[in-house]
Structure formats: C-alpha cells, structure tokens
Protein backbone atom coordinates (compact mmCIF):
# COMPACT_ATOMS: atom_id res chain seq x y z
CA MET A 1 60.80 131.65 54.64
CA SER A 2 64.15 133.44 54.64
CA GLN A 3 67.26 131.39 55.77
CA GLU A 4 67.61 133.93 58.62
CA ASN A 5 64.20 132.89 59.78
CA GLN A 6 64.37 128.87 59.34
CA PRO A 7 64.67 126.34 62.31
CA LEU A 8 67.80 124.29 62.29
CA VAL A 9 66.61 120.93 60.83
CA SER A 10 68.83 117.90 61.79
CA ILE A 11 68.50 115.35 58.83
CA ILE A 12 69.72 111.78 60.61
CA ILE A 13 70.95 109.01 58.05
CA VAL A 14 72.08 105.69 59.22
CA ASN A 15 74.33 103.96 56.88
CA TYR A 16 75.51 100.43 56.59
CA ASN A 17 77.13 99.94 52.75
CA ALA A 18 75.23 102.34 50.87
CA GLY A 19 77.69 102.95 48.68
CA ASP A 20 77.14 106.05 46.15
CA LEU A 21 73.39 106.03 47.28
CA LEU A 22 74.51 107.84 50.24
CA ILE A 23 76.80 110.37 48.36
CA ASN A 24 73.76 110.87 45.67
CA GLY A 25 71.56 111.30 48.63
CA ILE A 26 73.60 113.76 50.65
CA ARG A 27 73.71 115.84 47.24
CA SER A 28 70.00 116.12 46.54
CA ILE A 29 69.60 117.32 50.38
CA LEU A 30 72.23 120.00 49.90
CA ASN A 31 70.23 121.22 46.63
CA SER A 32 67.01 121.76 48.88
CA ASN A 33 65.35 124.92 48.79
CA TYR A 34 65.73 124.83 52.69
CA GLN A 35 69.51 125.48 53.80
CA ASN A 36 69.07 125.65 57.51
CA LEU A 37 70.34 122.13 58.11
CA GLU A 38 72.71 119.73 59.86
CA ILE A 39 73.44 116.27 58.30
CA ILE A 40 74.38 113.83 60.53
CA ILE A 41 75.80 110.32 59.17
CA VAL A 42 75.61 107.49 61.82
CA ASP A 43 77.54 104.76 60.32
CA ASN A 44 77.05 100.84 61.48
CA VAL A 45 80.51 99.76 60.75
CA SER A 46 80.24 99.82 56.78
CA THR A 47 82.83 98.01 54.84
CA ASP A 48 82.49 99.88 51.36
CA ASN A 49 84.01 103.18 53.22
CA SER A 50 80.89 104.65 51.91
CA HIS A 51 80.44 107.19 55.03
CA LYS A 52 84.50 108.20 54.80
CA LYS A 53 84.06 108.95 50.90
CA CYS A 54 81.01 111.00 52.03
CA LYS A 55 82.58 113.12 54.68
CA GLU A 56 85.67 113.76 52.02
CA GLU A 57 83.02 115.00 49.91
CA PHE A 58 80.79 117.12 52.32
CA LYS A 59 83.26 118.58 54.94
CA ASP A 60 80.09 119.98 56.99
CA VAL A 61 78.70 116.64 57.38
CA LYS A 62 78.78 115.37 60.85
CA LEU A 63 79.80 111.89 61.11
CA ILE A 64 79.54 109.25 63.74
CA GLU A 65 81.24 106.05 63.39
CA ASN A 66 79.68 103.09 65.88
CA LYS A 67 82.06 100.55 67.01
CA ILE A 68 79.48 97.90 66.33
CA ASN A 69 76.32 97.38 64.08
CA LEU A 70 73.79 98.93 66.34
CA GLY A 71 70.85 98.28 63.90
CA TYR A 72 68.30 101.19 62.59
CA CYS A 73 67.06 102.06 65.95
CA ASP A 74 69.91 102.60 67.97
CA GLY A 75 71.68 104.35 65.00
CA ASN A 76 69.15 107.05 64.63
CA ASN A 77 68.72 107.31 68.36
CA ILE A 78 72.43 107.90 68.48
CA GLY A 79 71.72 110.66 65.83
CA ILE A 80 68.89 112.08 67.60
CA GLN A 81 70.82 112.19 70.47
CA ASN A 82 73.49 114.11 68.88
CA ALA A 83 71.32 116.50 66.78
CA ASN A 84 70.96 120.02 67.62
CA GLY A 85 67.85 120.84 65.58
CA GLU A 86 64.72 122.07 66.50
CA TYR A 87 63.41 119.76 63.92
CA ILE A 88 64.36 115.97 63.00
CA VAL A 89 64.07 114.12 59.82
CA ILE A 90 65.04 110.54 59.92
CA MET A 91 65.97 109.57 56.48
CA ASN A 92 67.34 106.45 54.58
CA PRO A 93 70.64 106.41 52.78
CA ASP A 94 68.94 105.34 49.47
CA THR A 95 66.57 108.71 48.76
CA ILE A 96 66.81 111.57 46.48
CA VAL A 97 64.88 114.58 47.42
CA GLU A 98 62.95 116.90 45.47
CA PRO A 99 64.32 120.82 46.30
CA GLU A 100 60.92 121.59 47.84
CA TRP A 101 60.34 118.50 49.64
CA LEU A 102 61.52 119.98 53.04
CA GLU A 103 59.45 123.08 52.97
CA GLU A 104 56.38 121.35 52.24
CA LEU A 105 56.88 119.28 55.27
CA PHE A 106 57.04 122.68 57.12
CA LYS A 107 54.17 124.02 55.40
CA ALA A 108 51.93 120.94 56.34
CA HIS A 109 53.15 121.35 60.07
CA ASP A 110 52.23 125.10 60.39
CA GLU A 111 48.79 123.82 59.03
CA PHE A 112 48.38 120.85 61.21
CA GLY A 113 50.78 121.35 64.31
CA GLU A 114 52.47 118.65 66.09
CA GLY A 115 52.45 115.22 64.53
CA ILE A 116 54.76 113.01 62.41
CA TYR A 117 55.01 113.80 58.95
CA GLN A 118 55.97 111.81 55.58
CA PRO A 119 56.42 112.63 52.40
CA LYS A 120 55.01 110.94 49.01
CA ILE A 121 57.79 108.36 48.08
CA LEU A 122 58.45 107.59 44.59
CA SER A 123 60.46 104.52 43.36
CA LEU A 124 64.10 105.77 42.38
CA ASN A 125 64.45 103.03 39.86
CA GLU A 126 60.86 102.76 38.39
CA LYS A 127 59.45 105.81 36.99
CA GLY A 128 56.29 107.24 38.11
CA ILE A 129 55.58 104.26 40.48
CA LEU A 130 54.13 104.74 44.19
CA GLN A 131 56.37 103.32 46.98
CA SER A 132 53.85 105.23 49.76
CA THR A 133 51.13 107.59 49.84
CA GLY A 134 50.79 107.31 53.57
CA ASN A 135 51.31 104.11 55.72
CA MET A 136 48.83 102.45 57.75
CA ILE A 137 48.68 100.10 61.06
CA HIS A 138 46.19 96.83 60.82
CA LEU A 139 44.39 95.54 63.82
CA PHE A 140 46.53 92.25 63.58
CA GLY A 141 50.21 94.35 63.87
CA PHE A 142 50.89 94.59 60.16
CA GLY A 143 52.19 97.72 59.03
CA PHE A 144 52.09 98.73 55.25
CA SER A 145 52.58 101.42 52.49
CA ARG A 146 49.30 102.64 50.72
CA ASP A 147 49.04 102.54 47.17
CA VAL A 148 52.45 100.56 47.03
CA GLY A 149 53.42 99.66 43.19
CA ILE A 150 50.62 101.58 41.22
CA VAL A 151 51.23 104.40 38.86
CA ASP A 152 51.32 108.05 40.59
CA LYS A 153 48.52 109.91 39.16
CA ASN A 154 48.18 112.46 41.79
CA GLN A 155 45.61 110.29 43.41
CA ARG A 156 45.90 111.72 46.84
CA ASN A 157 46.62 115.33 46.48
CA LYS A 158 45.58 116.63 49.98
CA ILE A 159 47.37 116.46 53.11
CA GLU A 160 45.81 113.73 55.18
CA LYS A 161 45.89 111.66 58.66
CA ILE A 162 47.67 108.37 57.96
CA GLY A 163 48.32 105.63 60.59
CA TYR A 164 51.96 105.97 60.75
CA ALA A 165 54.96 107.79 59.05
CA ALA A 166 57.28 105.43 56.91
CA GLY A 167 60.85 105.49 58.30
CA THR A 168 62.11 106.00 55.12
CA CYS A 169 61.67 109.64 55.79
CA LEU A 170 60.01 111.04 58.78
CA PHE A 171 59.90 114.66 59.91
CA THR A 172 58.83 115.64 63.28
CA SER A 173 59.88 118.44 65.90
CA ALA A 174 62.32 117.37 68.87
CA ASN A 175 59.98 118.21 71.18
CA THR A 176 57.43 115.56 69.67
CA ILE A 177 60.18 112.95 70.10
CA LYS A 178 61.02 113.70 73.69
CA LYS A 179 57.09 113.32 74.37
CA ILE A 180 57.04 109.69 72.25
CA GLY A 181 60.20 108.53 73.27
CA LEU A 182 63.17 107.10 71.22
CA LEU A 183 63.04 104.39 68.79
CA ASP A 184 62.51 100.98 70.20
CA SER A 185 66.01 99.27 70.57
CA PHE A 186 64.72 96.00 70.90
CA ILE A 187 63.00 96.08 67.41
CA PHE A 188 66.69 96.86 66.09
CA LEU A 189 65.01 97.19 62.34
CA TYR A 190 61.86 96.88 60.50
CA HIS A 191 58.54 98.00 62.15
CA ASP A 192 60.51 100.39 64.05
CA ASP A 193 58.31 103.27 62.44
CA VAL A 194 54.78 101.30 62.95
CA ASP A 195 55.68 101.47 66.55
CA PHE A 196 57.18 104.66 66.62
CA GLY A 197 53.91 106.03 64.95
CA TRP A 198 51.67 103.77 67.10
CA ARG A 199 53.08 105.29 69.96
CA GLY A 200 52.38 108.62 68.99
CA ALA A 201 48.64 107.87 68.12
CA GLN A 202 48.28 106.43 71.69
CA LEU A 203 49.20 110.01 72.73
CA GLY A 204 46.81 111.79 70.77
CA ILE A 205 49.91 112.77 68.30
CA SER A 206 48.64 111.95 64.63
CA SER A 207 50.76 111.23 61.67
CA TYR A 208 50.25 112.93 57.93
CA PHE A 209 51.00 112.28 54.77
CA VAL A 210 51.96 115.35 52.53
CA PRO A 211 51.76 114.72 48.99
CA LYS A 212 53.53 117.63 47.90
CA SER A 213 56.66 117.05 49.60
CA ILE A 214 58.25 114.26 46.92
CA ILE A 215 61.05 111.99 47.66
CA TYR A 216 62.41 109.01 45.51
CA HIS A 217 63.78 105.53 47.08
CA VAL A 218 65.62 102.30 45.97
CA LYS A 219 64.06 100.40 48.90
CA SER A 220 65.53 97.36 50.59
CA TYR A 221 69.11 97.87 49.44
CA THR A 222 70.46 95.87 52.22
CA LEU A 223 68.07 93.03 52.75
CA GLN A 224 65.79 92.02 50.18
CA TRP A 225 62.52 90.05 50.67
CA GLY A 226 63.85 86.70 51.97
CA ALA A 227 64.27 84.94 55.14
CA LYS A 228 65.82 87.52 57.25
CA LYS A 229 63.56 90.28 56.57
CA PHE A 230 60.72 87.95 57.11
CA PHE A 231 62.22 87.03 60.51
CA TRP A 232 62.49 90.74 61.59
CA LEU A 233 58.70 91.69 60.34
CA GLU A 234 57.28 88.81 61.93
CA ARG A 235 59.27 89.00 65.28
CA ASN A 236 58.44 92.63 65.67
CA ARG A 237 54.80 92.46 64.60
CA LYS A 238 54.28 90.42 67.08
CA TYR A 239 56.26 92.50 69.62
CA CYS A 240 54.11 95.49 68.60
CA ILE A 241 50.66 93.45 69.26
CA LEU A 242 51.91 92.54 72.81
CA THR A 243 53.19 95.69 73.81
CA HIS A 244 50.64 97.88 72.37
CA TYR A 245 47.70 96.54 73.17
CA SER A 246 46.38 96.26 77.21
CA LYS A 247 46.08 92.78 78.09
CA GLU A 248 41.93 92.97 78.10
CA THR A 249 42.24 93.63 74.34
CA ILE A 250 44.57 90.85 73.50
CA ALA A 251 42.56 88.66 75.61
CA LYS A 252 39.39 89.58 73.53
CA MET A 253 41.07 89.25 70.30
CA LYS A 254 42.82 86.00 71.37
CA PHE A 255 41.12 83.66 68.93
CA THR A 256 41.38 85.98 65.82
CA LEU A 257 44.90 86.41 66.68
CA PHE A 258 45.31 82.50 66.79
CA LEU A 259 43.90 82.08 63.34
CA THR A 260 46.00 85.18 61.88
CA ASP A 261 48.70 83.33 63.08
CA VAL A 262 47.90 80.31 61.52
CA LEU A 263 47.51 82.30 58.41
CA VAL A 264 50.88 83.42 58.72
CA TRP A 265 52.58 80.26 59.26
CA LEU A 266 50.92 78.90 55.96
CA ALA A 267 52.52 81.92 54.18
CA TYR A 268 55.85 81.43 55.77
CA ILE A 269 55.98 77.71 54.99
CA SER A 270 54.51 78.25 51.37
CA LYS A 271 57.64 80.47 50.64
CA GLY A 272 60.18 78.22 52.21
CA PHE A 273 60.57 80.66 55.47
CA LEU A 274 59.54 77.98 58.03
CA MET A 275 62.65 78.58 60.30
CA ALA A 276 62.21 82.54 59.81
CA LYS A 277 58.82 82.22 61.70
CA ILE A 278 59.92 79.62 64.19
CA ASN A 279 63.03 81.84 65.04
CA ALA A 280 60.69 84.82 65.35
CA GLU A 281 58.44 82.60 67.59
CA ARG A 282 61.48 81.87 69.88
CA GLU A 283 62.82 85.47 69.96
CA ILE A 284 59.19 86.55 71.35
CA ARG A 285 58.98 83.61 73.87
CA LYS A 286 62.64 84.27 74.90
CA ASN A 287 61.98 87.91 75.57
CA ARG A 288 58.69 87.43 77.82
CA ASP A 289 59.76 89.56 80.72
CA ILE A 290 61.13 92.66 78.27
CA ILE A 291 57.92 92.68 76.43
CA LYS A 292 55.90 92.36 79.70
CA LYS A 293 57.73 95.63 81.19
CA ARG A 294 57.75 97.32 77.87
CA GLN A 295 53.52 96.66 77.64
CA LYS A 296 53.04 98.07 81.20
CA GLU A 297 55.20 101.49 80.24
CA LEU A 298 53.00 102.05 77.28
CA GLU A 299 49.85 101.19 79.10
CA ASP A 300 50.67 103.62 81.70
CA LYS A 301 51.44 106.67 79.31
CA LYS A 302 48.43 105.71 77.03
CA ILE A 303 46.13 108.78 76.54
CA ILE A 304 43.81 107.60 73.42
CA SER A 305 42.37 103.91 73.99
CA ASP A 306 42.97 100.76 72.11
CA LEU A 307 39.33 100.67 71.23
CA GLU A 308 39.60 104.30 69.89
CA LEU A 309 42.54 103.79 67.85
CA ILE A 310 41.11 100.31 66.41
CA LYS A 311 38.06 102.36 64.73
CA THR A 312 40.64 103.81 62.74
CA PHE A 313 42.62 100.90 61.28
CA PRO A 314 41.70 99.46 58.23
CA ASP A 315 40.64 95.87 57.88
CA ALA A 316 42.50 95.20 54.38
CA ILE A 317 46.59 95.17 54.04
CA SER A 318 48.34 96.08 50.91
CA ILE A 319 51.74 94.83 50.01
CA SER A 320 53.44 94.71 46.97
CA ASP A 321 53.71 91.49 45.07
CA ASN A 322 57.46 90.77 45.52
CA SER A 323 56.93 90.85 49.20
CA GLY A 324 56.76 87.06 48.68
CA GLY A 325 53.14 86.51 48.34
CA ARG A 326 52.22 87.47 51.90
CA GLY A 327 49.67 90.12 50.22
CA SER A 328 47.99 87.58 48.26
CA GLU A 329 44.57 87.88 47.32
CA PHE A 330 43.54 84.86 49.56
CA PHE A 331 45.88 85.63 52.64
CA ASN A 332 44.55 89.26 52.48
CA SER A 333 40.72 88.28 52.30
CA MET A 334 41.20 85.99 55.09
CA ILE A 335 42.75 88.92 57.15
CA VAL A 336 39.66 91.05 56.01
CA LYS A 337 37.29 88.86 57.59
CA LEU A 338 39.05 88.09 60.92
CA SER A 339 39.49 91.76 61.14
CA LYS A 340 36.22 92.87 60.86
CA LYS A 341 35.29 89.85 63.24
CA ALA A 342 37.83 91.04 65.79
CA LYS A 343 36.45 94.39 65.67
CA LYS A 344 32.53 93.25 66.00
CA THR A 345 34.11 91.46 69.02
CA LEU A 346 35.96 94.44 70.49
CA LEU A 347 33.60 97.28 69.82
CA SER A 348 30.12 95.73 70.39
C-alpha cells in the first residue's frame, strides 16, 4: 500500500511518568513501514517531564497535557476525541513495535472486516517470552492473556477470534469506536479492555489476534502486582459482571458467583491484600446507582445474548505466577469446576 493510499491512523498513548520508555516507543513507531500516522500523547500530569522531552525530540507529535490525572480510560477518551484518523490505535507507552506491525493489522482488518485487533505481545525484557496471544473473558469476569509467560514458538500462527484485544495495543476503526462507545470512565484503569471488548461482542463486533503483527511490552511499569493493582482488578471485575450480564443471568449464577467470591476473598487474604478486597467491595456498593444505570444502558443496546457469548468463554483462566498466586493450580481448578457448574445451569 503506497503512502498516498494509506488511511490516516491515530496512535494514542496515555503517559504517566514513562521516562525513556515513551521516547523509545515513539521512535519505534516512527520507524514503522506504515507512515501515514498521527501520534497523540495524552499526559496525566507526569512529574518526570517525559512528555515534554518527547515533544522536544518529535516535533510532529500532538501533546495533550491534562491538568489532573484522568486515568487510563478518560486519558484515552480525550485522545480519541482529538484524533483525526480513520483508524485508531490505543497503545501503552512502554512498548516497542516491529516495522511491519501496523501493516499486518491492516491485512487482518481487510480479511475479517470490522473488529478489534491486537498483535502478538512479547516481553521487552525477557527474550522470546510471550505476554499475550490474545486475551479471553471468563464467565466470572476475569480477563486474562493466553500463553502468558511461556516461550514463543509461533504456536498460534493464524489470525483467530479471541475474547478481547489487549489495551496494551488495540487497533480498530474510528467508526467501530463510535458504535461501541468510548472507554468506560468509571473503570479508570485495568479491565478497561475487557469491558470494551465485551461491549463489542454484545454488538456482534469480534476481537482478533494477529500473530504476524509483533510488539514488545515492559508490562506494569507504573503499578506492579500489589494491593493497588488488585483493588482495581477486583473492583472492575465485579463492575463488569454487574453491568454486562442481565438481571436474569446474574440470578441464575447467584450461587456460583458467591462461591467464586469466597475463593477471591481467600486469595486476597493469603497474599495480604484484605483491605484491597474490602475497598473494592465498598466501591461497588457505594456506586450501586451508577452500576444499575450502566447495566440498563448495555442491556438496551445488546444484540448478542448473554448465553450466546457465554458459550465462547473458556472455563480455565491463565494468570502468570507473579500475579500474587491468583492463578495457582488450586484456585484455577476450583474456578473451572464452578464455571462448568454455572454453564450447565445457564445453558440447560
């Protein structure tokens, strides 16, 4: 595809003290084979001046400086609202791309049509180690990356449907975002991509993994696996359950959801994150009216039923060992049993 025929792609990067990772990432993007790009950096009040250094080095970058930290979701939403591209990429600042990454995403889009696409994501610091070959939604609201932590042997070498595209690098059209809607402001960060892909699936818009598109990612350069991260993950997991499922679906799953919650409580207590779980529960209860309103909005827009989507959800979850043990063998085996039990009730 010649540059004259290349549609404009707006690449949105939300930055918060990413340091040299941001500059290295922009440099790799500018070395892409695909050249008709608009790069938008949305800075969430960084104190390391990484955004200003980046603007000094790359004059054509569009810099938007927020007055307060708006989080990942609204940071990206501001970028989307200021984007001119026919296509949109949401990308983390701690990523490096291969030169052909965007061309491969376009090839996939040309073949499969409207959808949400993600590349193969490899670790930037651990050579040949996978971070994601596509992300999946679990019945109980967990989102997880396939093949995380294993050696890349090109195991998955075909474009295929997945549960949702990782927010680390997400490619779609501006028109698709209009249909699905912006990222959910309530979520703030973590699980934003689960929510976005789930909403897309409810509208019949699939997500895809593109193995020939390759990027490298540091992973969690701001929040490592700790209490704060677990708080956001659990708060937003429960938010997704309560907003994406119908009242009827939740009622049928009530017992298995309760047992899953017991498992999560035990996992958080065992890792010393009891207050993170308590605070997550408090946040959900405090925002019941917001959740109720959002659930109705999504239910009214839904084209694909809960039961149709649930059939595509895997029973097992896959979480790296450094996540604090939530992906332990015992936890996962119990989740598999509960998932199968819930599906039997729902689909019978």
